[in-house]
Protein backbone atom coordinates (compact mmCIF):
# COMPACT_ATOMS: atom_id res chain seq x y z
CA MET A 1 -67.00 -43.32 90.56
CA ASP A 2 -70.07 -41.14 90.85
CA PHE A 3 -70.70 -37.69 89.40
CA THR A 4 -73.72 -35.46 88.81
CA ILE A 5 -74.62 -33.00 86.05
CA GLN A 6 -77.52 -30.71 85.27
CA LYS A 7 -80.15 -32.64 83.30
CA PRO A 8 -79.88 -31.74 79.60
CA GLU A 9 -82.86 -31.26 77.30
CA ILE A 10 -82.10 -34.49 75.39
CA SER A 11 -83.11 -37.99 76.44
CA ILE A 12 -80.80 -40.17 78.51
CA GLU A 13 -80.63 -42.61 75.58
CA GLU A 14 -79.47 -39.87 73.21
CA LEU A 15 -76.97 -38.61 75.78
CA ALA A 16 -75.57 -42.13 76.22
CA GLN A 17 -75.20 -42.50 72.46
CA GLN A 18 -73.39 -39.16 72.16
CA ILE A 19 -70.83 -40.18 74.80
CA GLY A 20 -70.28 -43.54 73.10
CA TYR A 21 -72.34 -45.87 75.30
CA GLU A 22 -74.93 -48.44 74.27
CA PRO A 23 -77.90 -49.79 76.30
CA GLN A 24 -77.48 -52.93 78.38
CA PHE A 25 -79.95 -54.91 80.49
CA THR A 26 -82.13 -52.11 81.91
CA ASP A 27 -83.20 -48.62 80.90
CA ASP A 28 -80.60 -47.01 83.16
CA SER A 29 -77.59 -49.23 82.30
CA TYR A 30 -75.13 -48.54 79.47
CA ILE A 31 -71.78 -50.01 78.39
CA ARG A 32 -68.76 -49.00 76.33
CA PRO A 33 -66.36 -51.84 75.44
CA VAL A 34 -62.70 -50.86 75.85
CA ALA A 35 -60.80 -54.15 75.37
CA GLU A 36 -61.41 -57.86 75.19
CA ASN A 37 -63.30 -58.79 78.37
CA LYS A 38 -63.31 -55.18 79.63
CA LYS A 39 -66.04 -52.58 79.40
CA PHE A 40 -67.07 -49.40 81.14
CA HIS A 41 -70.46 -49.82 82.79
CA LEU A 42 -72.50 -46.68 83.39
CA PHE A 43 -75.71 -46.35 85.40
CA VAL A 44 -77.74 -43.15 85.05
CA GLU A 45 -80.25 -42.05 87.67
CA THR A 46 -82.63 -39.10 87.27
CA GLN A 47 -82.81 -36.80 90.30
CA GLU A 48 -85.28 -33.98 89.65
CA ASP A 49 -83.30 -31.59 87.41
CA LYS A 50 -80.02 -33.55 87.60
CA LEU A 51 -78.55 -36.80 86.33
CA LYS A 52 -76.40 -38.93 88.62
CA PHE A 53 -73.86 -41.15 86.88
CA LYS A 54 -72.27 -44.22 88.46
CA LEU A 55 -69.32 -45.58 86.49
CA HIS A 56 -67.11 -48.63 86.92
CA LEU A 57 -64.93 -50.85 84.75
CA ASP A 58 -66.06 -54.47 84.38
CA LYS A 59 -63.28 -57.00 83.94
CA ASN A 60 -64.53 -60.47 83.04
CA ASP A 61 -62.24 -63.22 81.78
CA GLY A 62 -64.97 -65.86 81.53
CA GLU A 63 -64.34 -67.30 84.97
CA ASP A 64 -63.78 -64.34 87.27
CA HIS A 65 -65.63 -61.05 87.35
CA ASP A 66 -63.96 -58.02 88.87
CA CYS A 67 -64.90 -54.35 88.94
CA GLU A 68 -62.72 -51.27 89.16
CA TYR A 69 -64.44 -48.28 90.81
CA GLU A 70 -61.63 -45.77 91.47
CA SER A 71 -58.52 -45.51 89.30
CA GLU A 72 -56.74 -43.26 86.85
CA ARG A 73 -58.53 -45.08 84.02
CA ILE A 74 -61.94 -44.34 85.59
CA THR A 75 -60.99 -40.69 86.19
CA LYS A 76 -59.92 -40.31 82.55
CA GLU A 77 -63.24 -41.79 81.36
CA VAL A 78 -65.24 -39.46 83.63
CA ASN A 79 -63.29 -36.50 82.25
CA ARG A 80 -63.89 -37.71 78.67
CA ILE A 81 -67.64 -37.98 79.35
CA LYS A 82 -67.82 -34.54 80.98
CA GLU A 83 -65.87 -32.95 78.13
CA ILE A 84 -68.34 -34.31 75.56
CA ILE A 85 -71.36 -33.34 77.64
CA PHE A 86 -70.23 -29.79 78.32
CA LYS A 87 -68.73 -29.14 74.88
CA ASP A 88 -71.24 -30.86 72.59
CA ILE A 89 -74.46 -30.91 74.60
CA PHE A 90 -74.33 -27.79 76.77
CA ASN A 91 -72.03 -25.89 74.37
CA LYS A 92 -69.85 -24.60 77.22
């Protein structure tokens, strides 16, 4: 699921930390473990004065790898992220 916000005055790394994500692989890739073999995977792309987020849920049982892109669980995580960003970062 994709969503876009106004770019805040803090770094992407600090923003990721505040929403509970940790860096993975590349500068624009962050994860938040949610259960054994499941983690939210967030990519952040800078677009002028905005940040574009791309979120999915990785499900990996050691043999198979599956991703969930649209679901109630993804929608709840997007809402959680937005609530933190607007409440704690933009103070709205």
